[in-house]
Amino acid sequence: MSIGEVQTPYKERPEGSVSKLSTWRDGFRILWTMLKLFSTERPIAFYGMLSLLAALLGFLLGLPLLLTYLDTGLVPRIPTAILVTALAVVSMLAMVAGLVLDAVARGRRELKALAYLRWASPASDFRDAGD
């Protein structure tokens, strides 16, 4: 993408003025925005982590069930078995969603780059104005 440098004036805060920022509220807003940007711009990494987390949780919950089943032939905790199955399904869905959204994001980035290439560099505008 073409870039240009523009000089801007800088002024200090007037004497006696108070900041309108709130540490916790604004911090959570920034964190939420970072998560949204991460999930939008890097969907494989974001949804891959969610997939890995669900798969790991399902494995940790399912391992005692599997060991009990191999030892006794019975599954004593049916709700846990259903939870483990649901976590496995969620894990696979998160991975597929990440793959699909990555293809969409890649296409969007390519279209955006092509759209930006149609514009002239801001530096060329300043050079033309100085002539």
C-alpha atoms as a PDB file:
ATOM      1  CA  MET A   1       0.000   0.000   0.000  1.00  0.00           C
ATOM      2  CA  SER A   2       1.291   3.435  -0.823  1.00  0.00           C
ATOM      3  CA  ILE A   3       1.966   5.702   2.121  1.00  0.00           C
ATOM      4  CA  GLY A   4       2.939   9.315   2.674  1.00  0.00           C
ATOM      5  CA  GLU A   5       4.083  11.406   5.607  1.00  0.00           C
ATOM      6  CA  VAL A   6       1.961  14.379   6.651  1.00  0.00           C
ATOM      7  CA  GLN A   7       3.077  16.960   9.216  1.00  0.00           C
ATOM      8  CA  THR A   8       0.490  17.579  11.947  1.00  0.00           C
ATOM      9  CA  PRO A   9       0.523  20.108  14.804  1.00  0.00           C
ATOM     10  CA  TYR A  10       0.902  18.802  18.356  1.00  0.00           C
ATOM     11  CA  LYS A  11      -0.518  20.593  21.371  1.00  0.00           C
ATOM     12  CA  GLU A  12      -0.168  19.739  25.042  1.00  0.00           C
ATOM     13  CA  ARG A  13      -3.200  19.233  27.265  1.00  0.00           C
ATOM     14  CA  PRO A  14      -4.544  22.554  28.556  1.00  0.00           C
ATOM     15  CA  GLU A  15      -3.710  23.325  32.174  1.00  0.00           C
ATOM     16  CA  GLY A  16      -6.324  21.976  34.598  1.00  0.00           C
ATOM     17  CA  SER A  17      -8.041  19.614  32.127  1.00  0.00           C
ATOM     18  CA  VAL A  18      -8.872  16.030  33.147  1.00  0.00           C
ATOM     19  CA  SER A  19      -8.675  12.844  31.087  1.00  0.00           C
ATOM     20  CA  LYS A  20     -11.989  11.228  30.126  1.00  0.00           C
ATOM     21  CA  LEU A  21     -10.428   7.758  29.985  1.00  0.00           C
ATOM     22  CA  SER A  22     -11.549   5.001  32.343  1.00  0.00           C
ATOM     23  CA  THR A  23      -8.872   2.392  33.034  1.00  0.00           C
ATOM     24  CA  TRP A  24     -11.038  -0.733  33.402  1.00  0.00           C
ATOM     25  CA  ARG A  25     -13.835   0.117  30.969  1.00  0.00           C
ATOM     26  CA  ASP A  26     -11.483   1.290  28.240  1.00  0.00           C
ATOM     27  CA  GLY A  27      -9.099  -1.590  28.923  1.00  0.00           C
ATOM     28  CA  PHE A  28     -11.901  -4.121  28.389  1.00  0.00           C
ATOM     29  CA  ARG A  29     -12.984  -2.271  25.245  1.00  0.00           C
ATOM     30  CA  ILE A  30      -9.460  -2.470  23.881  1.00  0.00           C
ATOM     31  CA  LEU A  31      -9.195  -6.168  24.784  1.00  0.00           C
ATOM     32  CA  TRP A  32     -12.560  -6.899  23.137  1.00  0.00           C
ATOM     33  CA  THR A  33     -11.492  -5.007  20.007  1.00  0.00           C
ATOM     34  CA  MET A  34      -8.228  -6.952  19.900  1.00  0.00           C
ATOM     35  CA  LEU A  35     -10.124 -10.257  20.143  1.00  0.00           C
ATOM     36  CA  LYS A  36     -12.491  -9.214  17.349  1.00  0.00           C
ATOM     37  CA  LEU A  37      -9.586  -8.150  15.144  1.00  0.00           C
ATOM     38  CA  PHE A  38      -7.694 -11.371  15.895  1.00  0.00           C
ATOM     39  CA  SER A  39     -10.718 -13.521  15.043  1.00  0.00           C
ATOM     40  CA  THR A  40     -11.321 -11.539  11.845  1.00  0.00           C
ATOM     41  CA  GLU A  41      -7.757 -11.239  10.576  1.00  0.00           C
ATOM     42  CA  ARG A  42      -6.345 -14.579  11.803  1.00  0.00           C
ATOM     43  CA  PRO A  43      -9.322 -16.973  11.867  1.00  0.00           C
ATOM     44  CA  ILE A  44      -7.283 -20.197  11.660  1.00  0.00           C
ATOM     45  CA  ALA A  45      -5.233 -19.242  14.714  1.00  0.00           C
ATOM     46  CA  PHE A  46      -8.274 -17.998  16.683  1.00  0.00           C
ATOM     47  CA  TYR A  47     -10.637 -20.867  15.908  1.00  0.00           C
ATOM     48  CA  GLY A  48      -7.751 -23.335  16.003  1.00  0.00           C
ATOM     49  CA  MET A  49      -7.075 -22.334  19.612  1.00  0.00           C
ATOM     50  CA  LEU A  50     -10.766 -22.727  20.443  1.00  0.00           C
ATOM     51  CA  SER A  51     -10.748 -26.117  18.713  1.00  0.00           C
ATOM     52  CA  LEU A  52      -7.647 -27.219  20.591  1.00  0.00           C
ATOM     53  CA  LEU A  53      -9.102 -26.054  23.908  1.00  0.00           C
ATOM     54  CA  ALA A  54     -12.358 -27.974  23.345  1.00  0.00           C
ATOM     55  CA  ALA A  55     -10.465 -31.083  22.195  1.00  0.00           C
ATOM     56  CA  LEU A  56      -8.098 -30.960  25.175  1.00  0.00           C
ATOM     57  CA  LEU A  57     -10.970 -30.501  27.634  1.00  0.00           C
ATOM     58  CA  GLY A  58     -12.859 -33.359  25.993  1.00  0.00           C
ATOM     59  CA  PHE A  59      -9.787 -35.590  26.168  1.00  0.00           C
ATOM     60  CA  LEU A  60      -9.184 -34.808  29.846  1.00  0.00           C
ATOM     61  CA  LEU A  61     -12.820 -35.484  30.721  1.00  0.00           C
ATOM     62  CA  GLY A  62     -13.040 -38.564  28.489  1.00  0.00           C
ATOM     63  CA  LEU A  63      -9.841 -40.323  29.569  1.00  0.00           C
ATOM     64  CA  PRO A  64     -11.214 -41.541  32.928  1.00  0.00           C
ATOM     65  CA  LEU A  65     -14.385 -42.691  31.161  1.00  0.00           C
ATOM     66  CA  LEU A  66     -12.354 -44.642  28.616  1.00  0.00           C
ATOM     67  CA  LEU A  67     -10.194 -46.242  31.295  1.00  0.00           C
ATOM     68  CA  THR A  68     -13.294 -47.233  33.299  1.00  0.00           C
ATOM     69  CA  TYR A  69     -14.925 -48.650  30.173  1.00  0.00           C
ATOM     70  CA  LEU A  70     -11.827 -50.688  29.278  1.00  0.00           C
ATOM     71  CA  ASP A  71     -11.619 -51.988  32.869  1.00  0.00           C
ATOM     72  CA  THR A  72     -15.295 -52.787  33.556  1.00  0.00           C
ATOM     73  CA  GLY A  73     -17.065 -52.620  30.203  1.00  0.00           C
ATOM     74  CA  LEU A  74     -19.491 -50.023  31.637  1.00  0.00           C
ATOM     75  CA  VAL A  75     -19.854 -46.263  31.263  1.00  0.00           C
ATOM     76  CA  PRO A  76     -20.989 -45.078  34.720  1.00  0.00           C
ATOM     77  CA  ARG A  77     -21.214 -41.344  33.940  1.00  0.00           C
ATOM     78  CA  ILE A  78     -23.442 -40.897  30.886  1.00  0.00           C
ATOM     79  CA  PRO A  79     -23.733 -37.085  31.189  1.00  0.00           C
ATOM     80  CA  THR A  80     -19.943 -36.784  31.086  1.00  0.00           C
ATOM     81  CA  ALA A  81     -19.837 -39.040  28.025  1.00  0.00           C
ATOM     82  CA  ILE A  82     -22.391 -36.794  26.309  1.00  0.00           C
ATOM     83  CA  LEU A  83     -20.336 -33.710  27.267  1.00  0.00           C
ATOM     84  CA  VAL A  84     -17.175 -35.290  25.848  1.00  0.00           C
ATOM     85  CA  THR A  85     -18.989 -36.059  22.586  1.00  0.00           C
ATOM     86  CA  ALA A  86     -20.333 -32.513  22.391  1.00  0.00           C
ATOM     87  CA  LEU A  87     -16.839 -31.102  23.010  1.00  0.00           C
ATOM     88  CA  ALA A  88     -15.454 -33.255  20.185  1.00  0.00           C
ATOM     89  CA  VAL A  89     -18.153 -31.954  17.829  1.00  0.00           C
ATOM     90  CA  VAL A  90     -17.537 -28.347  18.909  1.00  0.00           C
ATOM     91  CA  SER A  91     -13.816 -28.851  18.377  1.00  0.00           C
ATOM     92  CA  MET A  92     -14.309 -30.068  14.811  1.00  0.00           C
ATOM     93  CA  LEU A  93     -16.831 -27.311  14.036  1.00  0.00           C
ATOM     94  CA  ALA A  94     -14.448 -24.635  15.319  1.00  0.00           C
ATOM     95  CA  MET A  95     -11.644 -25.958  13.115  1.00  0.00           C
ATOM     96  CA  VAL A  96     -13.860 -26.070  10.008  1.00  0.00           C
ATOM     97  CA  ALA A  97     -15.161 -22.561  10.763  1.00  0.00           C
ATOM     98  CA  GLY A  98     -11.569 -21.332  11.036  1.00  0.00           C
ATOM     99  CA  LEU A  99     -10.663 -22.868   7.677  1.00  0.00           C
ATOM    100  CA  VAL A 100     -13.697 -21.387   5.915  1.00  0.00           C
ATOM    101  CA  LEU A 101     -13.271 -17.961   7.496  1.00  0.00           C
ATOM    102  CA  ASP A 102      -9.572 -17.953   6.606  1.00  0.00           C
ATOM    103  CA  ALA A 103     -10.450 -18.407   2.934  1.00  0.00           C
ATOM    104  CA  VAL A 104     -12.950 -15.553   3.188  1.00  0.00           C
ATOM    105  CA  ALA A 105     -10.424 -13.303   4.975  1.00  0.00           C
ATOM    106  CA  ARG A 106      -7.736 -14.058   2.390  1.00  0.00           C
ATOM    107  CA  GLY A 107     -10.099 -13.138  -0.452  1.00  0.00           C
ATOM    108  CA  ARG A 108     -11.110  -9.944   1.344  1.00  0.00           C
ATOM    109  CA  ARG A 109      -7.468  -8.940   1.849  1.00  0.00           C
ATOM    110  CA  GLU A 110      -6.703  -9.515  -1.838  1.00  0.00           C
ATOM    111  CA  LEU A 111      -9.695  -7.426  -2.936  1.00  0.00           C
ATOM    112  CA  LYS A 112      -8.701  -4.668  -0.515  1.00  0.00           C
ATOM    113  CA  ALA A 113      -5.133  -4.670  -1.847  1.00  0.00           C
ATOM    114  CA  LEU A 114      -6.394  -4.424  -5.435  1.00  0.00           C
ATOM    115  CA  ALA A 115      -8.681  -1.541  -4.478  1.00  0.00           C
ATOM    116  CA  TYR A 116      -5.798   0.303  -2.781  1.00  0.00           C
ATOM    117  CA  LEU A 117      -3.569  -0.138  -5.819  1.00  0.00           C
ATOM    118  CA  ARG A 118      -6.024   1.931  -7.895  1.00  0.00           C
ATOM    119  CA  TRP A 119      -5.209   5.031  -5.838  1.00  0.00           C
ATOM    120  CA  ALA A 120      -2.143   7.169  -6.389  1.00  0.00           C
ATOM    121  CA  SER A 121       0.419   7.548  -3.638  1.00  0.00           C
ATOM    122  CA  PRO A 122      -0.246  10.438  -1.225  1.00  0.00           C
ATOM    123  CA  ALA A 123       3.396  11.435  -1.684  1.00  0.00           C
ATOM    124  CA  SER A 124       2.773  12.051  -5.398  1.00  0.00           C
ATOM    125  CA  ASP A 125      -0.053  14.475  -4.504  1.00  0.00           C
ATOM    126  CA  PHE A 126       2.322  16.519  -2.328  1.00  0.00           C
ATOM    127  CA  ARG A 127       5.028  16.522  -4.986  1.00  0.00           C
ATOM    128  CA  ASP A 128       2.535  17.739  -7.605  1.00  0.00           C
ATOM    129  CA  ALA A 129       1.355  20.527  -5.288  1.00  0.00           C
ATOM    130  CA  GLY A 130       4.923  21.732  -4.757  1.00  0.00           C
ATOM    131  CA  ASP A 131       5.661  22.079  -8.496  1.00  0.00           C
END
